[in-house]
Amino acid sequence: HIGHLLADLLNFTLVAVAVFLVIVKLLGGVMKAARPQPAEAPTLKECPRCLSNIPLKATKCAHCTTDLVEPAADASLPVASASP
């Protein structure tokens, strides 16, 4: 009688562990697929003159040779005028 009880407990434990692992793996995969992916940083910018796509670090457009002016780091600060 003890042998049957131990065999049933062992079978129950093995099946419970297998079902638990399958459910955890399935739910983990579903949760990973449902999670929104972070957006990548842009690598291109648009030339203001010819509207072509150029690399983000470019200082001159390769298509129309326009010099690209980078915005000032402190654009919020007022610029003093030179008029008397």
PDB file of N, CA and C in Angstrom:
ATOM      1  N   HIS A   1       0.829  -1.195   0.000  1.00  0.00           N
ATOM      2  CA  HIS A   1       0.000   0.000   0.000  1.00  0.00           C
ATOM      3  C   HIS A   1       0.877   1.264   0.000  1.00  0.00           C
ATOM      4  N   ILE A   2       1.964   1.240   0.719  1.00  0.00           N
ATOM      5  CA  ILE A   2       2.840   2.404   0.818  1.00  0.00           C
ATOM      6  C   ILE A   2       3.490   2.679  -0.538  1.00  0.00           C
ATOM      7  N   GLY A   3       3.833   1.630  -1.262  1.00  0.00           N
ATOM      8  CA  GLY A   3       4.472   1.793  -2.575  1.00  0.00           C
ATOM      9  C   GLY A   3       3.570   2.517  -3.561  1.00  0.00           C
ATOM     10  N   HIS A   4       2.271   2.179  -3.550  1.00  0.00           N
ATOM     11  CA  HIS A   4       1.313   2.844  -4.443  1.00  0.00           C
ATOM     12  C   HIS A   4       1.165   4.323  -4.067  1.00  0.00           C
ATOM     13  N   LEU A   5       1.124   4.612  -2.776  1.00  0.00           N
ATOM     14  CA  LEU A   5       0.991   5.987  -2.309  1.00  0.00           C
ATOM     15  C   LEU A   5       2.208   6.816  -2.723  1.00  0.00           C
ATOM     16  N   LEU A   6       3.402   6.270  -2.532  1.00  0.00           N
ATOM     17  CA  LEU A   6       4.614   6.986  -2.920  1.00  0.00           C
ATOM     18  C   LEU A   6       4.683   7.175  -4.442  1.00  0.00           C
ATOM     19  N   ALA A   7       4.286   6.196  -5.207  1.00  0.00           N
ATOM     20  CA  ALA A   7       4.286   6.303  -6.665  1.00  0.00           C
ATOM     21  C   ALA A   7       3.290   7.372  -7.114  1.00  0.00           C
ATOM     22  N   ASP A   8       2.104   7.393  -6.500  1.00  0.00           N
ATOM     23  CA  ASP A   8       1.102   8.409  -6.846  1.00  0.00           C
ATOM     24  C   ASP A   8       1.588   9.808  -6.478  1.00  0.00           C
ATOM     25  N   LEU A   9       2.235   9.962  -5.317  1.00  0.00           N
ATOM     26  CA  LEU A   9       2.767  11.269  -4.921  1.00  0.00           C
ATOM     27  C   LEU A   9       3.873  11.721  -5.882  1.00  0.00           C
ATOM     28  N   LEU A  10       4.722  10.810  -6.274  1.00  0.00           N
ATOM     29  CA  LEU A  10       5.796  11.139  -7.198  1.00  0.00           C
ATOM     30  C   LEU A  10       5.238  11.523  -8.564  1.00  0.00           C
ATOM     31  N   ASN A  11       4.274  10.757  -9.062  1.00  0.00           N
ATOM     32  CA  ASN A  11       3.642  11.076 -10.343  1.00  0.00           C
ATOM     33  C   ASN A  11       2.947  12.432 -10.282  1.00  0.00           C
ATOM     34  N   PHE A  12       2.217  12.705  -9.205  1.00  0.00           N
ATOM     35  CA  PHE A  12       1.525  13.983  -9.056  1.00  0.00           C
ATOM     36  C   PHE A  12       2.528  15.138  -9.048  1.00  0.00           C
ATOM     37  N   THR A  13       3.627  14.970  -8.309  1.00  0.00           N
ATOM     38  CA  THR A  13       4.630  16.023  -8.218  1.00  0.00           C
ATOM     39  C   THR A  13       5.282  16.285  -9.566  1.00  0.00           C
ATOM     40  N   LEU A  14       5.630  15.238 -10.289  1.00  0.00           N
ATOM     41  CA  LEU A  14       6.253  15.409 -11.599  1.00  0.00           C
ATOM     42  C   LEU A  14       5.318  16.089 -12.588  1.00  0.00           C
ATOM     43  N   VAL A  15       4.052  15.686 -12.606  1.00  0.00           N
ATOM     44  CA  VAL A  15       3.082  16.311 -13.514  1.00  0.00           C
ATOM     45  C   VAL A  15       2.845  17.763 -13.113  1.00  0.00           C
ATOM     46  N   ALA A  16       2.744  18.049 -11.826  1.00  0.00           N
ATOM     47  CA  ALA A  16       2.525  19.419 -11.370  1.00  0.00           C
ATOM     48  C   ALA A  16       3.701  20.314 -11.757  1.00  0.00           C
ATOM     49  N   VAL A  17       4.920  19.837 -11.602  1.00  0.00           N
ATOM     50  CA  VAL A  17       6.093  20.625 -11.970  1.00  0.00           C
ATOM     51  C   VAL A  17       6.123  20.857 -13.481  1.00  0.00           C
ATOM     52  N   ALA A  18       5.823  19.834 -14.258  1.00  0.00           N
ATOM     53  CA  ALA A  18       5.828  19.972 -15.720  1.00  0.00           C
ATOM     54  C   ALA A  18       4.764  20.969 -16.170  1.00  0.00           C
ATOM     55  N   VAL A  19       3.561  20.883 -15.623  1.00  0.00           N
ATOM     56  CA  VAL A  19       2.485  21.821 -15.989  1.00  0.00           C
ATOM     57  C   VAL A  19       2.858  23.233 -15.560  1.00  0.00           C
ATOM     58  N   PHE A  20       3.420  23.395 -14.385  1.00  0.00           N
ATOM     59  CA  PHE A  20       3.817  24.708 -13.900  1.00  0.00           C
ATOM     60  C   PHE A  20       4.857  25.332 -14.825  1.00  0.00           C
ATOM     61  N   LEU A  21       5.884  24.563 -15.211  1.00  0.00           N
ATOM     62  CA  LEU A  21       6.916  25.093 -16.083  1.00  0.00           C
ATOM     63  C   LEU A  21       6.376  25.469 -17.456  1.00  0.00           C
ATOM     64  N   VAL A  22       5.488  24.666 -18.002  1.00  0.00           N
ATOM     65  CA  VAL A  22       4.900  24.977 -19.305  1.00  0.00           C
ATOM     66  C   VAL A  22       4.088  26.258 -19.214  1.00  0.00           C
ATOM     67  N   ILE A  23       3.279  26.405 -18.177  1.00  0.00           N
ATOM     68  CA  ILE A  23       2.458  27.603 -18.018  1.00  0.00           C
ATOM     69  C   ILE A  23       3.349  28.830 -17.820  1.00  0.00           C
ATOM     70  N   VAL A  24       4.376  28.729 -17.004  1.00  0.00           N
ATOM     71  CA  VAL A  24       5.272  29.863 -16.766  1.00  0.00           C
ATOM     72  C   VAL A  24       5.970  30.263 -18.061  1.00  0.00           C
ATOM     73  N   LYS A  25       6.449  29.301 -18.834  1.00  0.00           N
ATOM     74  CA  LYS A  25       7.128  29.606 -20.089  1.00  0.00           C
ATOM     75  C   LYS A  25       6.163  30.222 -21.094  1.00  0.00           C
ATOM     76  N   LEU A  26       4.949  29.706 -21.191  1.00  0.00           N
ATOM     77  CA  LEU A  26       3.968  30.262 -22.125  1.00  0.00           C
ATOM     78  C   LEU A  26       3.577  31.677 -21.730  1.00  0.00           C
ATOM     79  N   LEU A  27       3.291  31.898 -20.462  1.00  0.00           N
ATOM     80  CA  LEU A  27       2.916  33.239 -20.018  1.00  0.00           C
ATOM     81  C   LEU A  27       4.084  34.209 -20.154  1.00  0.00           C
ATOM     82  N   GLY A  28       5.291  33.760 -19.907  1.00  0.00           N
ATOM     83  CA  GLY A  28       6.462  34.610 -20.082  1.00  0.00           C
ATOM     84  C   GLY A  28       6.629  35.032 -21.539  1.00  0.00           C
ATOM     85  N   GLY A  29       6.418  34.108 -22.456  1.00  0.00           N
ATOM     86  CA  GLY A  29       6.507  34.433 -23.880  1.00  0.00           C
ATOM     87  C   GLY A  29       5.417  35.384 -24.323  1.00  0.00           C
ATOM     88  N   VAL A  30       4.206  35.181 -23.824  1.00  0.00           N
ATOM     89  CA  VAL A  30       3.099  36.070 -24.167  1.00  0.00           C
ATOM     90  C   VAL A  30       3.340  37.462 -23.602  1.00  0.00           C
ATOM     91  N   MET A  31       3.805  37.553 -22.369  1.00  0.00           N
ATOM     92  CA  MET A  31       4.065  38.853 -21.761  1.00  0.00           C
ATOM     93  C   MET A  31       5.212  39.575 -22.476  1.00  0.00           C
ATOM     94  N   LYS A  32       6.218  38.840 -22.910  1.00  0.00           N
ATOM     95  CA  LYS A  32       7.332  39.455 -23.618  1.00  0.00           C
ATOM     96  C   LYS A  32       6.881  39.970 -24.978  1.00  0.00           C
ATOM     97  N   ALA A  33       6.026  39.231 -25.659  1.00  0.00           N
ATOM     98  CA  ALA A  33       5.528  39.661 -26.962  1.00  0.00           C
ATOM     99  C   ALA A  33       4.579  40.848 -26.829  1.00  0.00           C
ATOM    100  N   ALA A  34       3.844  40.934 -25.732  1.00  0.00           N
ATOM    101  CA  ALA A  34       2.880  42.015 -25.546  1.00  0.00           C
ATOM    102  C   ALA A  34       3.533  43.300 -25.064  1.00  0.00           C
ATOM    103  N   ARG A  35       4.736  43.225 -24.530  1.00  0.00           N
ATOM    104  CA  ARG A  35       5.431  44.395 -24.015  1.00  0.00           C
ATOM    105  C   ARG A  35       5.851  45.295 -25.170  1.00  0.00           C
ATOM    106  N   PRO A  36       5.579  46.612 -25.092  1.00  0.00           N
ATOM    107  CA  PRO A  36       5.989  47.495 -26.189  1.00  0.00           C
ATOM    108  C   PRO A  36       7.510  47.631 -26.248  1.00  0.00           C
ATOM    109  N   GLN A  37       8.025  47.626 -27.458  1.00  0.00           N
ATOM    110  CA  GLN A  37       9.464  47.734 -27.658  1.00  0.00           C
ATOM    111  C   GLN A  37       9.868  49.205 -27.667  1.00  0.00           C
ATOM    112  N   PRO A  38      11.005  49.553 -27.060  1.00  0.00           N
ATOM    113  CA  PRO A  38      11.437  50.955 -27.073  1.00  0.00           C
ATOM    114  C   PRO A  38      11.802  51.401 -28.489  1.00  0.00           C
ATOM    115  N   ALA A  39      11.468  52.641 -28.802  1.00  0.00           N
ATOM    116  CA  ALA A  39      11.769  53.180 -30.122  1.00  0.00           C
ATOM    117  C   ALA A  39      13.262  53.490 -30.233  1.00  0.00           C
ATOM    118  N   GLU A  40      13.796  53.256 -31.411  1.00  0.00           N
ATOM    119  CA  GLU A  40      15.207  53.529 -31.638  1.00  0.00           C
ATOM    120  C   GLU A  40      15.403  55.023 -31.880  1.00  0.00           C
ATOM    121  N   ALA A  41      16.563  55.510 -31.541  1.00  0.00           N
ATOM    122  CA  ALA A  41      16.883  56.910 -31.772  1.00  0.00           C
ATOM    123  C   ALA A  41      17.031  57.154 -33.276  1.00  0.00           C
ATOM    124  N   PRO A  42      16.590  58.318 -33.750  1.00  0.00           N
ATOM    125  CA  PRO A  42      16.703  58.582 -35.193  1.00  0.00           C
ATOM    126  C   PRO A  42      18.168  58.715 -35.607  1.00  0.00           C
ATOM    127  N   THR A  43      18.486  58.237 -36.793  1.00  0.00           N
ATOM    128  CA  THR A  43      19.844  58.319 -37.307  1.00  0.00           C
ATOM    129  C   THR A  43      19.931  59.266 -38.491  1.00  0.00           C
ATOM    130  N   LEU A  44      18.795  59.729 -38.991  1.00  0.00           N
ATOM    131  CA  LEU A  44      18.759  60.630 -40.131  1.00  0.00           C
ATOM    132  C   LEU A  44      18.027  61.909 -39.776  1.00  0.00           C
ATOM    133  N   LYS A  45      18.363  62.985 -40.489  1.00  0.00           N
ATOM    134  CA  LYS A  45      17.611  64.232 -40.372  1.00  0.00           C
ATOM    135  C   LYS A  45      17.347  64.725 -41.785  1.00  0.00           C
ATOM    136  N   GLU A  46      16.487  65.723 -41.899  1.00  0.00           N
ATOM    137  CA  GLU A  46      16.087  66.220 -43.194  1.00  0.00           C
ATOM    138  C   GLU A  46      16.783  67.549 -43.483  1.00  0.00           C
ATOM    139  N   CYS A  47      17.309  67.688 -44.677  1.00  0.00           N
ATOM    140  CA  CYS A  47      17.930  68.940 -45.080  1.00  0.00           C
ATOM    141  C   CYS A  47      16.837  69.989 -45.239  1.00  0.00           C
ATOM    142  N   PRO A  48      16.990  71.184 -44.647  1.00  0.00           N
ATOM    143  CA  PRO A  48      15.934  72.190 -44.741  1.00  0.00           C
ATOM    144  C   PRO A  48      15.788  72.780 -46.144  1.00  0.00           C
ATOM    145  N   ARG A  49      16.805  72.634 -46.983  1.00  0.00           N
ATOM    146  CA  ARG A  49      16.745  73.235 -48.314  1.00  0.00           C
ATOM    147  C   ARG A  49      16.224  72.267 -49.372  1.00  0.00           C
ATOM    148  N   CYS A  50      16.797  71.066 -49.429  1.00  0.00           N
ATOM    149  CA  CYS A  50      16.387  70.129 -50.491  1.00  0.00           C
ATOM    150  C   CYS A  50      15.512  68.996 -49.975  1.00  0.00           C
ATOM    151  N   LEU A  51      15.290  68.920 -48.671  1.00  0.00           N
ATOM    152  CA  LEU A  51      14.415  67.932 -48.022  1.00  0.00           C
ATOM    153  C   LEU A  51      14.875  66.485 -48.209  1.00  0.00           C
ATOM    154  N   SER A  52      16.171  66.272 -48.468  1.00  0.00           N
ATOM    155  CA  SER A  52      16.680  64.908 -48.565  1.00  0.00           C
ATOM    156  C   SER A  52      17.121  64.437 -47.184  1.00  0.00           C
ATOM    157  N   ASN A  53      17.175  63.132 -47.006  1.00  0.00           N
ATOM    158  CA  ASN A  53      17.604  62.544 -45.737  1.00  0.00           C
ATOM    159  C   ASN A  53      19.123  62.482 -45.699  1.00  0.00           C
ATOM    160  N   ILE A  54      19.693  62.981 -44.596  1.00  0.00           N
ATOM    161  CA  ILE A  54      21.134  62.997 -44.410  1.00  0.00           C
ATOM    162  C   ILE A  54      21.443  62.478 -43.012  1.00  0.00           C
ATOM    163  N   PRO A  55      22.685  62.021 -42.773  1.00  0.00           N
ATOM    164  CA  PRO A  55      23.031  61.528 -41.433  1.00  0.00           C
ATOM    165  C   PRO A  55      22.858  62.617 -40.376  1.00  0.00           C
ATOM    166  N   LEU A  56      22.557  62.202 -39.177  1.00  0.00           N
ATOM    167  CA  LEU A  56      22.276  63.117 -38.078  1.00  0.00           C
ATOM    168  C   LEU A  56      23.476  63.987 -37.732  1.00  0.00           C
ATOM    169  N   LYS A  57      24.690  63.465 -37.851  1.00  0.00           N
ATOM    170  CA  LYS A  57      25.897  64.214 -37.490  1.00  0.00           C
ATOM    171  C   LYS A  57      26.455  65.044 -38.639  1.00  0.00           C
ATOM    172  N   ALA A  58      25.795  65.058 -39.794  1.00  0.00           N
ATOM    173  CA  ALA A  58      26.315  65.788 -40.949  1.00  0.00           C
ATOM    174  C   ALA A  58      26.256  67.288 -40.705  1.00  0.00           C
ATOM    175  N   THR A  59      27.272  67.996 -41.207  1.00  0.00           N
ATOM    176  CA  THR A  59      27.284  69.457 -41.116  1.00  0.00           C
ATOM    177  C   THR A  59      27.079  70.101 -42.478  1.00  0.00           C
ATOM    178  N   LYS A  60      27.090  69.288 -43.549  1.00  0.00           N
ATOM    179  CA  LYS A  60      26.852  69.792 -44.894  1.00  0.00           C
ATOM    180  C   LYS A  60      26.048  68.746 -45.648  1.00  0.00           C
ATOM    181  N   CYS A  61      25.037  69.203 -46.377  1.00  0.00           N
ATOM    182  CA  CYS A  61      24.191  68.292 -47.145  1.00  0.00           C
ATOM    183  C   CYS A  61      24.967  67.766 -48.341  1.00  0.00           C
ATOM    184  N   ALA A  62      24.950  66.474 -48.556  1.00  0.00           N
ATOM    185  CA  ALA A  62      25.669  65.867 -49.668  1.00  0.00           C
ATOM    186  C   ALA A  62      24.952  66.087 -50.993  1.00  0.00           C
ATOM    187  N   HIS A  63      23.663  66.402 -50.952  1.00  0.00           N
ATOM    188  CA  HIS A  63      22.889  66.543 -52.178  1.00  0.00           C
ATOM    189  C   HIS A  63      22.936  67.971 -52.736  1.00  0.00           C
ATOM    190  N   CYS A  64      22.760  68.965 -51.849  1.00  0.00           N
ATOM    191  CA  CYS A  64      22.718  70.357 -52.319  1.00  0.00           C
ATOM    192  C   CYS A  64      23.857  71.191 -51.756  1.00  0.00           C
ATOM    193  N   THR A  65      24.745  70.629 -50.989  1.00  0.00           N
ATOM    194  CA  THR A  65      25.924  71.253 -50.368  1.00  0.00           C
ATOM    195  C   THR A  65      25.584  72.446 -49.482  1.00  0.00           C
ATOM    196  N   THR A  66      24.410  72.431 -48.884  1.00  0.00           N
ATOM    197  CA  THR A  66      24.038  73.482 -47.948  1.00  0.00           C
ATOM    198  C   THR A  66      24.730  73.241 -46.619  1.00  0.00           C
ATOM    199  N   ASP A  67      25.310  74.308 -46.058  1.00  0.00           N
ATOM    200  CA  ASP A  67      25.872  74.206 -44.715  1.00  0.00           C
ATOM    201  C   ASP A  67      24.726  74.126 -43.721  1.00  0.00           C
ATOM    202  N   LEU A  68      24.759  73.119 -42.868  1.00  0.00           N
ATOM    203  CA  LEU A  68      23.697  72.922 -41.888  1.00  0.00           C
ATOM    204  C   LEU A  68      24.104  73.577 -40.586  1.00  0.00           C
ATOM    205  N   VAL A  69      23.285  74.481 -40.100  1.00  0.00           N
ATOM    206  CA  VAL A  69      23.567  75.201 -38.869  1.00  0.00           C
ATOM    207  C   VAL A  69      22.897  74.450 -37.736  1.00  0.00           C
ATOM    208  N   GLU A  70      23.685  74.097 -36.724  1.00  0.00           N
ATOM    209  CA  GLU A  70      23.151  73.422 -35.554  1.00  0.00           C
ATOM    210  C   GLU A  70      22.520  74.452 -34.633  1.00  0.00           C
ATOM    211  N   PRO A  71      21.390  74.151 -33.994  1.00  0.00           N
ATOM    212  CA  PRO A  71      20.796  75.096 -33.056  1.00  0.00           C
ATOM    213  C   PRO A  71      21.692  75.288 -31.845  1.00  0.00           C
ATOM    214  N   ALA A  72      21.653  76.479 -31.291  1.00  0.00           N
ATOM    215  CA  ALA A  72      22.477  76.791 -30.121  1.00  0.00           C
ATOM    216  C   ALA A  72      22.054  75.940 -28.947  1.00  0.00           C
ATOM    217  N   ALA A  73      23.017  75.621 -28.079  1.00  0.00           N
ATOM    218  CA  ALA A  73      22.730  74.761 -26.929  1.00  0.00           C
ATOM    219  C   ALA A  73      21.780  75.445 -25.959  1.00  0.00           C
ATOM    220  N   ASP A  74      21.941  76.763 -25.762  1.00  0.00           N
ATOM    221  CA  ASP A  74      21.070  77.518 -24.865  1.00  0.00           C
ATOM    222  C   ASP A  74      20.192  78.458 -25.684  1.00  0.00           C
ATOM    223  N   ALA A  75      19.290  77.920 -26.488  1.00  0.00           N
ATOM    224  CA  ALA A  75      18.440  78.729 -27.346  1.00  0.00           C
ATOM    225  C   ALA A  75      17.434  79.535 -26.542  1.00  0.00           C
ATOM    226  N   SER A  76      17.191  79.174 -25.285  1.00  0.00           N
ATOM    227  CA  SER A  76      16.202  79.867 -24.480  1.00  0.00           C
ATOM    228  C   SER A  76      16.745  81.173 -23.920  1.00  0.00           C
ATOM    229  N   LEU A  77      18.092  81.371 -23.959  1.00  0.00           N
ATOM    230  CA  LEU A  77      18.681  82.597 -23.432  1.00  0.00           C
ATOM    231  C   LEU A  77      18.541  83.706 -24.473  1.00  0.00           C
ATOM    232  N   PRO A  78      18.211  84.933 -24.051  1.00  0.00           N
ATOM    233  CA  PRO A  78      18.090  86.021 -25.017  1.00  0.00           C
ATOM    234  C   PRO A  78      19.452  86.430 -25.533  1.00  0.00           C
ATOM    235  N   VAL A  79      19.493  86.831 -26.800  1.00  0.00           N
ATOM    236  CA  VAL A  79      20.727  87.260 -27.423  1.00  0.00           C
ATOM    237  C   VAL A  79      20.792  88.768 -27.365  1.00  0.00           C
ATOM    238  N   ALA A  80      21.901  89.298 -26.867  1.00  0.00           N
ATOM    239  CA  ALA A  80      22.044  90.747 -26.738  1.00  0.00           C
ATOM    240  C   ALA A  80      22.305  91.342 -28.115  1.00  0.00           C
ATOM    241  N   SER A  81      21.616  92.420 -28.439  1.00  0.00           N
ATOM    242  CA  SER A  81      21.805  93.066 -29.718  1.00  0.00           C
ATOM    243  C   SER A  81      22.950  94.073 -29.611  1.00  0.00           C
ATOM    244  N   ALA A  82      23.598  94.359 -30.735  1.00  0.00           N
ATOM    245  CA  ALA A  82      24.755  95.236 -30.769  1.00  0.00           C
ATOM    246  C   ALA A  82      24.356  96.679 -31.066  1.00  0.00           C
ATOM    247  N   SER A  83      23.086  96.984 -31.207  1.00  0.00           N
ATOM    248  CA  SER A  83      22.658  98.348 -31.530  1.00  0.00           C
ATOM    249  C   SER A  83      22.792  99.253 -30.302  1.00  0.00           C
ATOM    250  N   PRO A  84      23.206 100.558 -30.532  1.00  0.00           N
ATOM    251  CA  PRO A  84      23.425 101.465 -29.380  1.00  0.00           C
ATOM    252  C   PRO A  84      22.152 101.957 -28.764  1.00  0.00           C
TER     253      PRO A  84
END
